[in-house]
Amino acid sequence: MKRLMMAVLVALPLAASANSAFKDCSMKAAKTAKKADLEKMATIKPAEAKSIALKDHAGGSIVKGGIETEDGCLVYSYHVKDASGKGQTEVFVDAGNGMVLKNEHEGSVRTAMEKPVDKTKELAGKTKEKVTGEPSTNQAMPK
């Protein structure tokens, strides 16, 4: 019982800090909302959000990303590859006011682990497009 209590006490501040980056977002959105509805809600357009995401990452390039709901907030999430090629940073841009809510650095090991998952999502997205005729949100950004 003491171990359980200690684990909870240690995990609680970490869990609270994980969501604190999104507590000040300007727009809320449902997790189940369609991408088209999210795009209509956003006051910041994708091109502007990409510029904002790249602003603090000189020489970086966007690998993938787009509009989504994160912890109830409407955000653009872009994976920005470092100019050095040693990993990438996921940048969360508020879709309502353009503020950067969070930067999450991902090392090259995590990036390598994500590649099979990304490939699976890309294939699923292409299949969805063929079946439904609607664009998918699961595809990587074109290079």
N, C-alpha and C. Protein backbone atom coordinates (compact mmCIF):
# COMPACT_ATOMS: atom_id res chain seq x y z
N MET A 1 0.81 -1.19 0.00
CA MET A 1 0.00 0.00 0.00
C MET A 1 0.87 1.26 0.00
N LYS A 2 1.96 1.23 0.79
CA LYS A 2 2.85 2.38 0.84
C LYS A 2 3.49 2.63 -0.52
N ARG A 3 3.84 1.55 -1.22
CA ARG A 3 4.45 1.71 -2.55
C ARG A 3 3.48 2.35 -3.52
N LEU A 4 2.24 1.92 -3.45
CA LEU A 4 1.21 2.49 -4.32
C LEU A 4 1.05 3.99 -4.05
N MET A 5 0.99 4.35 -2.79
CA MET A 5 0.86 5.76 -2.42
C MET A 5 2.06 6.57 -2.91
N MET A 6 3.25 6.02 -2.76
CA MET A 6 4.46 6.71 -3.22
C MET A 6 4.43 6.88 -4.73
N ALA A 7 4.02 5.85 -5.44
CA ALA A 7 3.94 5.93 -6.90
C ALA A 7 2.96 7.00 -7.34
N VAL A 8 1.83 7.08 -6.68
CA VAL A 8 0.83 8.10 -7.00
C VAL A 8 1.38 9.49 -6.70
N LEU A 9 2.03 9.65 -5.57
CA LEU A 9 2.58 10.96 -5.20
C LEU A 9 3.67 11.41 -6.16
N VAL A 10 4.45 10.49 -6.67
CA VAL A 10 5.50 10.82 -7.63
C VAL A 10 4.90 11.13 -9.00
N ALA A 11 3.91 10.36 -9.42
CA ALA A 11 3.32 10.51 -10.75
C ALA A 11 2.41 11.72 -10.87
N LEU A 12 1.76 12.13 -9.81
CA LEU A 12 0.79 13.21 -9.86
C LEU A 12 1.38 14.53 -10.38
N PRO A 13 2.51 15.02 -9.86
CA PRO A 13 3.06 16.26 -10.41
C PRO A 13 3.45 16.14 -11.87
N LEU A 14 3.93 14.97 -12.26
CA LEU A 14 4.31 14.76 -13.66
C LEU A 14 3.09 14.82 -14.56
N ALA A 15 2.02 14.21 -14.15
CA ALA A 15 0.78 14.22 -14.93
C ALA A 15 0.22 15.63 -15.01
N ALA A 16 0.29 16.36 -13.95
CA ALA A 16 -0.22 17.74 -13.94
C ALA A 16 0.60 18.63 -14.85
N SER A 17 1.91 18.47 -14.85
CA SER A 17 2.76 19.31 -15.69
C SER A 17 2.62 18.96 -17.16
N ALA A 18 2.27 17.73 -17.47
CA ALA A 18 2.11 17.32 -18.86
C ALA A 18 0.97 18.08 -19.53
N ASN A 19 -0.11 18.37 -18.82
CA ASN A 19 -1.26 19.05 -19.38
C ASN A 19 -1.20 20.56 -19.22
N SER A 20 -0.30 21.07 -18.41
CA SER A 20 -0.27 22.50 -18.12
C SER A 20 0.06 23.34 -19.35
N ALA A 21 0.75 22.80 -20.32
CA ALA A 21 1.09 23.55 -21.53
C ALA A 21 -0.16 23.93 -22.31
N PHE A 22 -1.21 23.15 -22.18
CA PHE A 22 -2.42 23.39 -22.96
C PHE A 22 -3.52 24.10 -22.17
N LYS A 23 -3.26 24.44 -20.93
CA LYS A 23 -4.30 25.08 -20.11
C LYS A 23 -4.61 26.49 -20.59
N ASP A 24 -3.70 27.14 -21.28
CA ASP A 24 -3.89 28.51 -21.73
C ASP A 24 -4.24 28.63 -23.21
N CYS A 25 -4.72 27.54 -23.81
CA CYS A 25 -5.05 27.62 -25.23
C CYS A 25 -6.27 28.52 -25.44
N SER A 26 -6.37 29.10 -26.62
CA SER A 26 -7.44 30.07 -26.88
C SER A 26 -8.69 29.43 -27.46
N MET A 27 -8.58 28.20 -27.99
CA MET A 27 -9.74 27.56 -28.62
C MET A 27 -9.84 26.11 -28.16
N LYS A 28 -11.04 25.72 -27.82
CA LYS A 28 -11.32 24.34 -27.42
C LYS A 28 -11.98 23.62 -28.59
N ALA A 29 -11.78 22.30 -28.65
CA ALA A 29 -12.39 21.50 -29.70
C ALA A 29 -12.57 20.07 -29.19
N ALA A 30 -13.58 19.42 -29.71
CA ALA A 30 -13.85 18.04 -29.33
C ALA A 30 -12.86 17.11 -30.03
N LYS A 31 -12.43 16.08 -29.34
CA LYS A 31 -11.50 15.10 -29.90
C LYS A 31 -12.09 14.39 -31.11
N THR A 32 -13.42 14.28 -31.14
CA THR A 32 -14.10 13.55 -32.22
C THR A 32 -14.47 14.43 -33.41
N ALA A 33 -14.13 15.71 -33.37
CA ALA A 33 -14.47 16.62 -34.47
C ALA A 33 -13.72 16.23 -35.73
N LYS A 34 -14.37 16.42 -36.87
CA LYS A 34 -13.75 16.12 -38.17
C LYS A 34 -12.71 17.19 -38.50
N LYS A 35 -11.72 16.78 -39.28
CA LYS A 35 -10.65 17.70 -39.65
C LYS A 35 -11.20 18.94 -40.36
N ALA A 36 -12.17 18.76 -41.24
CA ALA A 36 -12.75 19.90 -41.96
C ALA A 36 -13.38 20.90 -40.99
N ASP A 37 -14.03 20.39 -39.94
CA ASP A 37 -14.64 21.27 -38.94
C ASP A 37 -13.56 22.00 -38.14
N LEU A 38 -12.48 21.30 -37.82
CA LEU A 38 -11.38 21.94 -37.10
C LEU A 38 -10.77 23.07 -37.91
N GLU A 39 -10.58 22.82 -39.21
CA GLU A 39 -9.99 23.84 -40.09
C GLU A 39 -10.88 25.08 -40.17
N LYS A 40 -12.21 24.88 -40.19
CA LYS A 40 -13.13 26.02 -40.22
C LYS A 40 -13.08 26.83 -38.94
N MET A 41 -12.87 26.16 -37.82
CA MET A 41 -12.81 26.83 -36.52
C MET A 41 -11.55 27.68 -36.35
N ALA A 42 -10.46 27.23 -36.91
CA ALA A 42 -9.16 27.87 -36.69
C ALA A 42 -9.11 29.27 -37.28
N THR A 43 -8.59 30.22 -36.51
CA THR A 43 -8.40 31.57 -37.03
C THR A 43 -7.01 31.72 -37.64
N ILE A 44 -6.09 30.88 -37.24
CA ILE A 44 -4.74 30.85 -37.83
C ILE A 44 -4.77 29.83 -38.97
N LYS A 45 -4.26 30.19 -40.10
CA LYS A 45 -4.25 29.30 -41.27
C LYS A 45 -3.00 28.41 -41.24
N PRO A 46 -3.04 27.25 -41.90
CA PRO A 46 -1.92 26.30 -41.86
C PRO A 46 -0.57 26.90 -42.25
N ALA A 47 -0.53 27.71 -43.30
CA ALA A 47 0.75 28.30 -43.73
C ALA A 47 1.35 29.18 -42.65
N GLU A 48 0.50 29.95 -41.97
CA GLU A 48 0.98 30.80 -40.89
C GLU A 48 1.47 29.96 -39.70
N ALA A 49 0.74 28.89 -39.39
CA ALA A 49 1.13 28.01 -38.29
C ALA A 49 2.47 27.33 -38.59
N LYS A 50 2.69 26.95 -39.84
CA LYS A 50 3.98 26.35 -40.22
C LYS A 50 5.12 27.34 -40.02
N SER A 51 4.90 28.60 -40.43
CA SER A 51 5.93 29.64 -40.25
C SER A 51 6.26 29.81 -38.78
N ILE A 52 5.22 29.82 -37.94
CA ILE A 52 5.41 29.98 -36.50
C ILE A 52 6.21 28.81 -35.94
N ALA A 53 5.87 27.59 -36.39
CA ALA A 53 6.55 26.39 -35.90
C ALA A 53 8.03 26.40 -36.29
N LEU A 54 8.34 26.93 -37.45
CA LEU A 54 9.74 26.95 -37.93
C LEU A 54 10.54 28.12 -37.39
N LYS A 55 9.88 29.12 -36.84
CA LYS A 55 10.54 30.37 -36.42
C LYS A 55 11.72 30.13 -35.48
N ASP A 56 11.57 29.28 -34.50
CA ASP A 56 12.64 29.05 -33.53
C ASP A 56 13.53 27.86 -33.88
N HIS A 57 13.39 27.34 -35.10
CA HIS A 57 14.16 26.18 -35.53
C HIS A 57 14.84 26.48 -36.86
N ALA A 58 15.83 27.37 -36.82
CA ALA A 58 16.52 27.81 -38.03
C ALA A 58 17.08 26.63 -38.81
N GLY A 59 16.78 26.59 -40.08
CA GLY A 59 17.28 25.53 -40.95
C GLY A 59 16.49 24.25 -40.84
N GLY A 60 15.51 24.19 -39.96
CA GLY A 60 14.70 22.98 -39.80
C GLY A 60 13.67 22.86 -40.90
N SER A 61 13.07 21.70 -40.99
CA SER A 61 12.03 21.48 -41.99
C SER A 61 10.89 20.66 -41.37
N ILE A 62 9.68 20.93 -41.82
CA ILE A 62 8.53 20.22 -41.31
C ILE A 62 8.44 18.86 -41.98
N VAL A 63 8.38 17.82 -41.16
CA VAL A 63 8.32 16.45 -41.64
C VAL A 63 6.86 16.00 -41.79
N LYS A 64 6.05 16.32 -40.79
CA LYS A 64 4.64 15.95 -40.82
C LYS A 64 3.88 16.83 -39.85
N GLY A 65 2.57 16.79 -39.96
CA GLY A 65 1.76 17.53 -39.01
C GLY A 65 0.51 18.10 -39.62
N GLY A 66 -0.23 18.80 -38.77
CA GLY A 66 -1.47 19.41 -39.21
C GLY A 66 -2.32 19.78 -38.01
N ILE A 67 -3.57 20.11 -38.28
CA ILE A 67 -4.48 20.54 -37.23
C ILE A 67 -5.03 19.33 -36.48
N GLU A 68 -5.19 19.48 -35.17
CA GLU A 68 -5.69 18.39 -34.34
C GLU A 68 -6.17 18.94 -33.01
N THR A 69 -6.76 18.05 -32.23
CA THR A 69 -7.18 18.39 -30.87
C THR A 69 -6.21 17.71 -29.91
N GLU A 70 -5.63 18.50 -29.03
CA GLU A 70 -4.69 17.98 -28.03
C GLU A 70 -5.15 18.45 -26.67
N ASP A 71 -5.48 17.52 -25.81
CA ASP A 71 -5.98 17.84 -24.46
C ASP A 71 -7.13 18.85 -24.51
N GLY A 72 -8.02 18.70 -25.49
CA GLY A 72 -9.20 19.56 -25.61
C GLY A 72 -8.94 20.88 -26.29
N CYS A 73 -7.70 21.14 -26.72
CA CYS A 73 -7.34 22.40 -27.37
C CYS A 73 -7.17 22.20 -28.87
N LEU A 74 -7.58 23.21 -29.63
CA LEU A 74 -7.41 23.18 -31.08
C LEU A 74 -6.01 23.70 -31.39
N VAL A 75 -5.16 22.83 -31.93
CA VAL A 75 -3.76 23.17 -32.19
C VAL A 75 -3.31 22.64 -33.55
N TYR A 76 -2.24 23.24 -34.03
CA TYR A 76 -1.49 22.67 -35.13
C TYR A 76 -0.29 21.99 -34.49
N SER A 77 -0.05 20.75 -34.86
CA SER A 77 1.08 20.00 -34.34
C SER A 77 1.99 19.68 -35.51
N TYR A 78 3.22 20.18 -35.48
CA TYR A 78 4.18 19.93 -36.56
C TYR A 78 5.45 19.30 -35.99
N HIS A 79 5.93 18.28 -36.68
CA HIS A 79 7.21 17.67 -36.35
C HIS A 79 8.26 18.38 -37.20
N VAL A 80 9.16 19.10 -36.53
CA VAL A 80 10.19 19.87 -37.21
C VAL A 80 11.51 19.14 -37.07
N LYS A 81 12.06 18.74 -38.21
CA LYS A 81 13.35 18.04 -38.23
C LYS A 81 14.46 19.05 -38.01
N ASP A 82 15.36 18.73 -37.08
CA ASP A 82 16.49 19.61 -36.78
C ASP A 82 17.39 19.74 -38.01
N ALA A 83 18.00 20.91 -38.16
CA ALA A 83 18.92 21.13 -39.28
C ALA A 83 20.09 20.16 -39.23
N SER A 84 20.47 19.75 -38.01
CA SER A 84 21.60 18.83 -37.86
C SER A 84 21.21 17.40 -38.20
N GLY A 85 19.91 17.13 -38.28
CA GLY A 85 19.44 15.78 -38.57
C GLY A 85 19.45 14.87 -37.35
N LYS A 86 19.65 15.42 -36.16
CA LYS A 86 19.74 14.60 -34.94
C LYS A 86 18.43 14.66 -34.16
N GLY A 87 17.37 14.27 -34.78
CA GLY A 87 16.08 14.25 -34.11
C GLY A 87 15.16 15.33 -34.63
N GLN A 88 14.07 15.49 -33.91
CA GLN A 88 13.09 16.48 -34.30
C GLN A 88 12.36 17.00 -33.08
N THR A 89 11.65 18.09 -33.27
CA THR A 89 10.88 18.70 -32.20
C THR A 89 9.43 18.78 -32.65
N GLU A 90 8.52 18.35 -31.79
CA GLU A 90 7.11 18.51 -32.09
C GLU A 90 6.69 19.85 -31.50
N VAL A 91 6.19 20.72 -32.37
CA VAL A 91 5.81 22.06 -31.99
C VAL A 91 4.29 22.16 -32.04
N PHE A 92 3.68 22.61 -30.93
CA PHE A 92 2.24 22.77 -30.83
C PHE A 92 1.92 24.26 -30.91
N VAL A 93 1.21 24.66 -31.98
CA VAL A 93 0.85 26.06 -32.20
C VAL A 93 -0.65 26.21 -31.97
N ASP A 94 -1.04 27.17 -31.15
CA ASP A 94 -2.45 27.44 -30.87
C ASP A 94 -3.12 27.89 -32.17
N ALA A 95 -4.20 27.21 -32.56
CA ALA A 95 -4.89 27.51 -33.82
C ALA A 95 -5.75 28.77 -33.72
N GLY A 96 -5.89 29.31 -32.52
CA GLY A 96 -6.68 30.51 -32.33
C GLY A 96 -5.87 31.79 -32.33
N ASN A 97 -4.69 31.76 -31.71
CA ASN A 97 -3.91 32.99 -31.59
C ASN A 97 -2.46 32.87 -32.09
N GLY A 98 -2.05 31.68 -32.50
CA GLY A 98 -0.71 31.50 -33.07
C GLY A 98 0.41 31.38 -32.06
N MET A 99 0.10 31.31 -30.77
CA MET A 99 1.15 31.16 -29.77
C MET A 99 1.66 29.72 -29.76
N VAL A 100 2.96 29.56 -29.54
CA VAL A 100 3.54 28.23 -29.37
C VAL A 100 3.21 27.79 -27.95
N LEU A 101 2.45 26.70 -27.84
CA LEU A 101 2.05 26.21 -26.53
C LEU A 101 3.08 25.27 -25.93
N LYS A 102 3.77 24.53 -26.80
CA LYS A 102 4.70 23.53 -26.28
C LYS A 102 5.68 23.12 -27.37
N ASN A 103 6.92 22.86 -26.98
CA ASN A 103 7.95 22.26 -27.83
C ASN A 103 8.36 20.96 -27.16
N GLU A 104 8.31 19.88 -27.88
CA GLU A 104 8.64 18.57 -27.31
C GLU A 104 9.74 17.95 -28.16
N HIS A 105 10.98 17.97 -27.64
CA HIS A 105 12.11 17.43 -28.41
C HIS A 105 12.06 15.91 -28.42
N GLU A 106 12.26 15.35 -29.59
CA GLU A 106 12.28 13.90 -29.76
C GLU A 106 13.63 13.54 -30.36
N GLY A 107 14.39 12.73 -29.66
CA GLY A 107 15.71 12.33 -30.13
C GLY A 107 15.62 11.39 -31.32
N SER A 108 16.76 11.06 -31.88
CA SER A 108 16.79 10.21 -33.08
C SER A 108 16.31 8.80 -32.80
N VAL A 109 16.44 8.32 -31.56
CA VAL A 109 15.96 6.97 -31.23
C VAL A 109 14.45 6.93 -31.31
N ARG A 110 13.78 7.91 -30.70
CA ARG A 110 12.32 7.93 -30.74
C ARG A 110 11.84 8.13 -32.17
N THR A 111 12.51 8.99 -32.92
CA THR A 111 12.14 9.22 -34.30
C THR A 111 12.24 7.92 -35.10
N ALA A 112 13.27 7.14 -34.89
CA ALA A 112 13.44 5.87 -35.59
C ALA A 112 12.34 4.89 -35.21
N MET A 113 11.92 4.92 -33.95
CA MET A 113 10.86 4.02 -33.51
C MET A 113 9.51 4.42 -34.11
N GLU A 114 9.32 5.71 -34.41
CA GLU A 114 8.06 6.17 -34.96
C GLU A 114 7.90 5.84 -36.44
N LYS A 115 8.99 5.62 -37.16
CA LYS A 115 8.91 5.42 -38.60
C LYS A 115 7.97 4.28 -39.01
N PRO A 116 8.04 3.08 -38.40
CA PRO A 116 7.09 2.04 -38.79
C PRO A 116 5.64 2.43 -38.51
N VAL A 117 5.40 3.12 -37.42
CA VAL A 117 4.05 3.57 -37.09
C VAL A 117 3.59 4.59 -38.12
N ASP A 118 4.46 5.54 -38.48
CA ASP A 118 4.12 6.54 -39.48
C ASP A 118 3.80 5.89 -40.82
N LYS A 119 4.57 4.89 -41.20
CA LYS A 119 4.35 4.21 -42.47
C LYS A 119 2.99 3.51 -42.47
N THR A 120 2.66 2.87 -41.34
CA THR A 120 1.36 2.21 -41.22
C THR A 120 0.23 3.22 -41.32
N LYS A 121 0.38 4.37 -40.65
CA LYS A 121 -0.64 5.42 -40.71
C LYS A 121 -0.78 5.96 -42.13
N GLU A 122 0.35 6.11 -42.82
CA GLU A 122 0.31 6.62 -44.19
C GLU A 122 -0.44 5.65 -45.10
N LEU A 123 -0.16 4.35 -44.96
CA LEU A 123 -0.86 3.36 -45.77
C LEU A 123 -2.35 3.33 -45.45
N ALA A 124 -2.68 3.43 -44.17
CA ALA A 124 -4.09 3.46 -43.77
C ALA A 124 -4.79 4.69 -44.35
N GLY A 125 -4.10 5.83 -44.36
CA GLY A 125 -4.66 7.05 -44.92
C GLY A 125 -4.92 6.93 -46.40
N LYS A 126 -3.98 6.35 -47.13
CA LYS A 126 -4.17 6.16 -48.57
C LYS A 126 -5.34 5.24 -48.86
N THR A 127 -5.46 4.20 -48.05
CA THR A 127 -6.58 3.27 -48.22
C THR A 127 -7.90 3.97 -47.94
N LYS A 128 -7.93 4.78 -46.89
CA LYS A 128 -9.14 5.53 -46.55
C LYS A 128 -9.53 6.45 -47.70
N GLU A 129 -8.54 7.13 -48.30
CA GLU A 129 -8.83 8.02 -49.42
C GLU A 129 -9.43 7.27 -50.60
N LYS A 130 -8.90 6.09 -50.88
CA LYS A 130 -9.43 5.30 -52.00
C LYS A 130 -10.85 4.84 -51.74
N VAL A 131 -11.13 4.44 -50.50
CA VAL A 131 -12.45 3.90 -50.16
C VAL A 131 -13.49 5.01 -50.05
N THR A 132 -13.16 6.09 -49.34
CA THR A 132 -14.15 7.14 -49.07
C THR A 132 -14.10 8.29 -50.06
N GLY A 133 -12.97 8.47 -50.72
CA GLY A 133 -12.82 9.60 -51.63
C GLY A 133 -12.52 10.91 -50.91
N GLU A 134 -12.38 10.86 -49.58
CA GLU A 134 -12.09 12.05 -48.79
C GLU A 134 -10.62 12.06 -48.38
N PRO A 135 -10.01 13.25 -48.27
CA PRO A 135 -8.61 13.31 -47.84
C PRO A 135 -8.45 12.80 -46.42
N SER A 136 -7.32 12.18 -46.18
CA SER A 136 -7.03 11.62 -44.85
C SER A 136 -6.11 12.54 -44.09
N THR A 137 -6.20 12.48 -42.76
CA THR A 137 -5.30 13.27 -41.91
C THR A 137 -4.11 12.45 -41.43
N ASN A 138 -3.99 11.20 -41.88
CA ASN A 138 -2.95 10.29 -41.36
C ASN A 138 -1.70 10.25 -42.21
N GLN A 139 -1.53 11.15 -43.12
CA GLN A 139 -0.37 11.06 -43.99
C GLN A 139 0.70 12.05 -43.62
N ALA A 140 1.93 11.67 -43.87
CA ALA A 140 3.07 12.54 -43.61
C ALA A 140 3.05 13.70 -44.60
N MET A 141 3.71 14.79 -44.23
CA MET A 141 3.79 15.95 -45.10
C MET A 141 4.64 15.61 -46.31
N PRO A 142 4.27 16.12 -47.51
CA PRO A 142 5.11 15.86 -48.69
C PRO A 142 6.45 16.54 -48.55
N LYS A 143 7.46 15.90 -49.10
CA LYS A 143 8.83 16.45 -48.98
C LYS A 143 9.16 17.32 -50.15
